[in-house]
Amino acid sequence: MVPHGMTESQTRQILFGGRTGYEEIEHLVSDEDPDTALCGVDQTDIPWEQGLPICQACVAVSQGRMS
């Protein structure tokens, strides 16, 4: 699921295995800063479109529910 106004190419994956434990999710990024997720997580060198669940914090930001 890609939020309204976002494209598949704007989703990126982050693997938390080496950072926080076990969760795998994809983050949303903007065209202006593709290395930073909308929720603030660094996305530098993270592969795109892995088919993982989308970060709900990124979805909230993209829908204007958070800043």
N, C-alpha and C. Protein backbone atom coordinates (compact mmCIF):
# COMPACT_ATOMS: atom_id res chain seq x y z
N MET A 1 0.84 -1.17 0.00
CA MET A 1 0.00 0.00 0.00
C MET A 1 0.88 1.24 0.00
N VAL A 2 0.67 2.11 -0.96
CA VAL A 2 1.40 3.36 -1.03
C VAL A 2 0.42 4.48 -0.76
N PRO A 3 0.72 5.38 0.18
CA PRO A 3 -0.20 6.46 0.51
C PRO A 3 -0.48 7.37 -0.68
N HIS A 4 -1.64 8.01 -0.65
CA HIS A 4 -2.04 8.96 -1.68
C HIS A 4 -0.95 10.01 -1.88
N GLY A 5 -0.61 10.29 -3.11
CA GLY A 5 0.39 11.29 -3.41
C GLY A 5 1.81 10.76 -3.46
N MET A 6 2.01 9.50 -3.14
CA MET A 6 3.34 8.91 -3.18
C MET A 6 3.38 7.88 -4.30
N THR A 7 4.56 7.60 -4.81
CA THR A 7 4.72 6.59 -5.85
C THR A 7 5.49 5.41 -5.29
N GLU A 8 5.42 4.28 -5.98
CA GLU A 8 6.18 3.10 -5.55
C GLU A 8 7.67 3.42 -5.46
N SER A 9 8.16 4.24 -6.40
CA SER A 9 9.59 4.55 -6.39
C SER A 9 10.00 5.40 -5.20
N GLN A 10 9.02 5.93 -4.47
CA GLN A 10 9.33 6.73 -3.29
C GLN A 10 9.37 5.89 -2.02
N THR A 11 9.09 4.60 -2.13
CA THR A 11 9.21 3.75 -0.95
C THR A 11 10.61 3.16 -0.91
N ARG A 12 11.14 3.07 0.29
CA ARG A 12 12.46 2.48 0.48
C ARG A 12 12.42 1.58 1.69
N GLN A 13 13.32 0.65 1.70
CA GLN A 13 13.38 -0.34 2.78
C GLN A 13 14.46 0.02 3.79
N ILE A 14 14.19 -0.29 5.04
CA ILE A 14 15.25 -0.27 6.04
C ILE A 14 15.16 -1.58 6.82
N LEU A 15 16.26 -2.22 6.98
CA LEU A 15 16.32 -3.45 7.77
C LEU A 15 16.84 -3.08 9.14
N PHE A 16 16.06 -3.36 10.16
CA PHE A 16 16.45 -3.01 11.51
C PHE A 16 17.30 -4.07 12.18
N GLY A 17 17.61 -5.15 11.49
CA GLY A 17 18.38 -6.23 12.10
C GLY A 17 19.63 -5.76 12.81
N GLY A 18 20.39 -4.85 12.23
CA GLY A 18 21.60 -4.37 12.86
C GLY A 18 21.39 -3.16 13.73
N ARG A 19 20.16 -2.62 13.75
CA ARG A 19 19.93 -1.36 14.47
C ARG A 19 19.06 -1.54 15.71
N THR A 20 17.90 -2.16 15.56
CA THR A 20 17.01 -2.25 16.72
C THR A 20 16.51 -3.65 16.99
N GLY A 21 16.84 -4.62 16.16
CA GLY A 21 16.38 -5.95 16.45
C GLY A 21 15.92 -6.73 15.25
N TYR A 22 14.61 -6.86 15.04
CA TYR A 22 14.12 -7.85 14.10
C TYR A 22 13.18 -7.34 13.02
N GLU A 23 12.64 -6.16 13.15
CA GLU A 23 11.59 -5.68 12.26
C GLU A 23 12.14 -5.24 10.90
N GLU A 24 11.42 -5.60 9.84
CA GLU A 24 11.75 -5.15 8.50
C GLU A 24 10.56 -4.38 7.96
N ILE A 25 10.78 -3.12 7.59
CA ILE A 25 9.73 -2.29 7.02
C ILE A 25 10.31 -1.42 5.93
N GLU A 26 9.44 -0.85 5.12
CA GLU A 26 9.86 0.12 4.11
C GLU A 26 9.43 1.50 4.56
N HIS A 27 10.31 2.46 4.32
CA HIS A 27 10.02 3.85 4.66
C HIS A 27 9.69 4.62 3.39
N LEU A 28 8.96 5.71 3.55
CA LEU A 28 8.65 6.61 2.44
C LEU A 28 9.64 7.76 2.47
N VAL A 29 10.06 8.20 1.28
CA VAL A 29 10.96 9.33 1.16
C VAL A 29 10.36 10.33 0.19
N SER A 30 10.87 11.55 0.22
CA SER A 30 10.42 12.56 -0.74
C SER A 30 11.45 12.68 -1.85
N ASP A 31 11.03 13.25 -2.97
CA ASP A 31 11.96 13.49 -4.07
C ASP A 31 13.05 14.49 -3.67
N GLU A 32 12.71 15.40 -2.76
CA GLU A 32 13.66 16.43 -2.33
C GLU A 32 14.79 15.86 -1.47
N ASP A 33 14.52 14.80 -0.71
CA ASP A 33 15.53 14.20 0.17
C ASP A 33 15.35 12.68 0.21
N PRO A 34 15.78 11.98 -0.86
CA PRO A 34 15.57 10.54 -0.93
C PRO A 34 16.42 9.72 0.04
N ASP A 35 17.32 10.36 0.78
CA ASP A 35 18.15 9.64 1.75
C ASP A 35 17.61 9.73 3.16
N THR A 36 16.48 10.42 3.35
CA THR A 36 15.88 10.52 4.67
C THR A 36 14.40 10.18 4.57
N ALA A 37 13.95 9.23 5.38
CA ALA A 37 12.54 8.86 5.41
C ALA A 37 11.71 10.00 5.96
N LEU A 38 10.42 10.02 5.63
CA LEU A 38 9.54 11.04 6.15
C LEU A 38 9.50 11.05 7.67
N CYS A 39 9.74 9.90 8.29
CA CYS A 39 9.76 9.80 9.75
C CYS A 39 11.13 10.17 10.33
N GLY A 40 12.11 10.45 9.47
CA GLY A 40 13.42 10.89 9.93
C GLY A 40 14.52 9.84 9.90
N VAL A 41 14.22 8.60 9.55
CA VAL A 41 15.21 7.53 9.54
C VAL A 41 16.12 7.65 8.32
N ASP A 42 17.42 7.49 8.51
CA ASP A 42 18.39 7.55 7.42
C ASP A 42 18.14 6.42 6.42
N GLN A 43 18.05 6.75 5.13
CA GLN A 43 17.78 5.78 4.08
C GLN A 43 18.92 5.68 3.07
N THR A 44 20.07 6.23 3.40
CA THR A 44 21.23 6.19 2.51
C THR A 44 21.59 4.74 2.20
N ASP A 45 21.70 4.43 0.91
CA ASP A 45 22.11 3.11 0.42
C ASP A 45 21.15 1.98 0.79
N ILE A 46 19.91 2.27 1.11
CA ILE A 46 18.91 1.25 1.42
C ILE A 46 18.18 0.91 0.11
N PRO A 47 18.05 -0.38 -0.23
CA PRO A 47 17.35 -0.77 -1.46
C PRO A 47 15.88 -0.34 -1.43
N TRP A 48 15.33 -0.12 -2.61
CA TRP A 48 13.93 0.30 -2.76
C TRP A 48 13.04 -0.89 -3.02
N GLU A 49 11.76 -0.72 -2.74
CA GLU A 49 10.68 -1.60 -3.16
C GLU A 49 10.95 -3.08 -2.90
N GLN A 50 11.02 -3.44 -1.64
CA GLN A 50 11.26 -4.82 -1.26
C GLN A 50 9.97 -5.57 -0.93
N GLY A 51 8.83 -4.88 -1.00
CA GLY A 51 7.56 -5.54 -0.74
C GLY A 51 7.26 -5.75 0.74
N LEU A 52 7.91 -4.98 1.59
CA LEU A 52 7.71 -5.09 3.03
C LEU A 52 6.61 -4.12 3.48
N PRO A 53 6.09 -4.30 4.69
CA PRO A 53 5.09 -3.36 5.21
C PRO A 53 5.65 -1.94 5.26
N ILE A 54 4.78 -0.95 5.05
CA ILE A 54 5.19 0.45 5.05
C ILE A 54 5.20 0.98 6.49
N CYS A 55 6.20 1.79 6.80
CA CYS A 55 6.33 2.45 8.10
C CYS A 55 5.09 3.31 8.34
N GLN A 56 4.38 3.06 9.43
CA GLN A 56 3.16 3.80 9.71
C GLN A 56 3.44 5.25 10.11
N ALA A 57 4.60 5.55 10.66
CA ALA A 57 4.96 6.93 10.96
C ALA A 57 5.15 7.71 9.65
N CYS A 58 5.78 7.10 8.65
CA CYS A 58 5.94 7.74 7.34
C CYS A 58 4.58 8.00 6.70
N VAL A 59 3.66 7.02 6.81
CA VAL A 59 2.32 7.17 6.26
C VAL A 59 1.62 8.35 6.93
N ALA A 60 1.71 8.44 8.25
CA ALA A 60 1.07 9.54 8.98
C ALA A 60 1.61 10.89 8.53
N VAL A 61 2.93 11.00 8.35
CA VAL A 61 3.53 12.25 7.89
C VAL A 61 3.03 12.58 6.48
N SER A 62 2.99 11.57 5.60
CA SER A 62 2.56 11.80 4.21
C SER A 62 1.11 12.24 4.12
N GLN A 63 0.31 11.86 5.10
CA GLN A 63 -1.10 12.22 5.13
C GLN A 63 -1.36 13.49 5.94
N GLY A 64 -0.30 14.13 6.43
CA GLY A 64 -0.44 15.37 7.18
C GLY A 64 -0.89 15.18 8.61
N ARG A 65 -0.84 13.96 9.12
CA ARG A 65 -1.25 13.70 10.50
C ARG A 65 -0.11 13.92 11.48
N MET A 66 1.12 14.03 10.98
CA MET A 66 2.29 14.29 11.82
C MET A 66 3.23 15.18 11.03
N SER A 67 4.15 15.83 11.71
CA SER A 67 5.15 16.63 11.00
C SER A 67 6.54 16.25 11.44
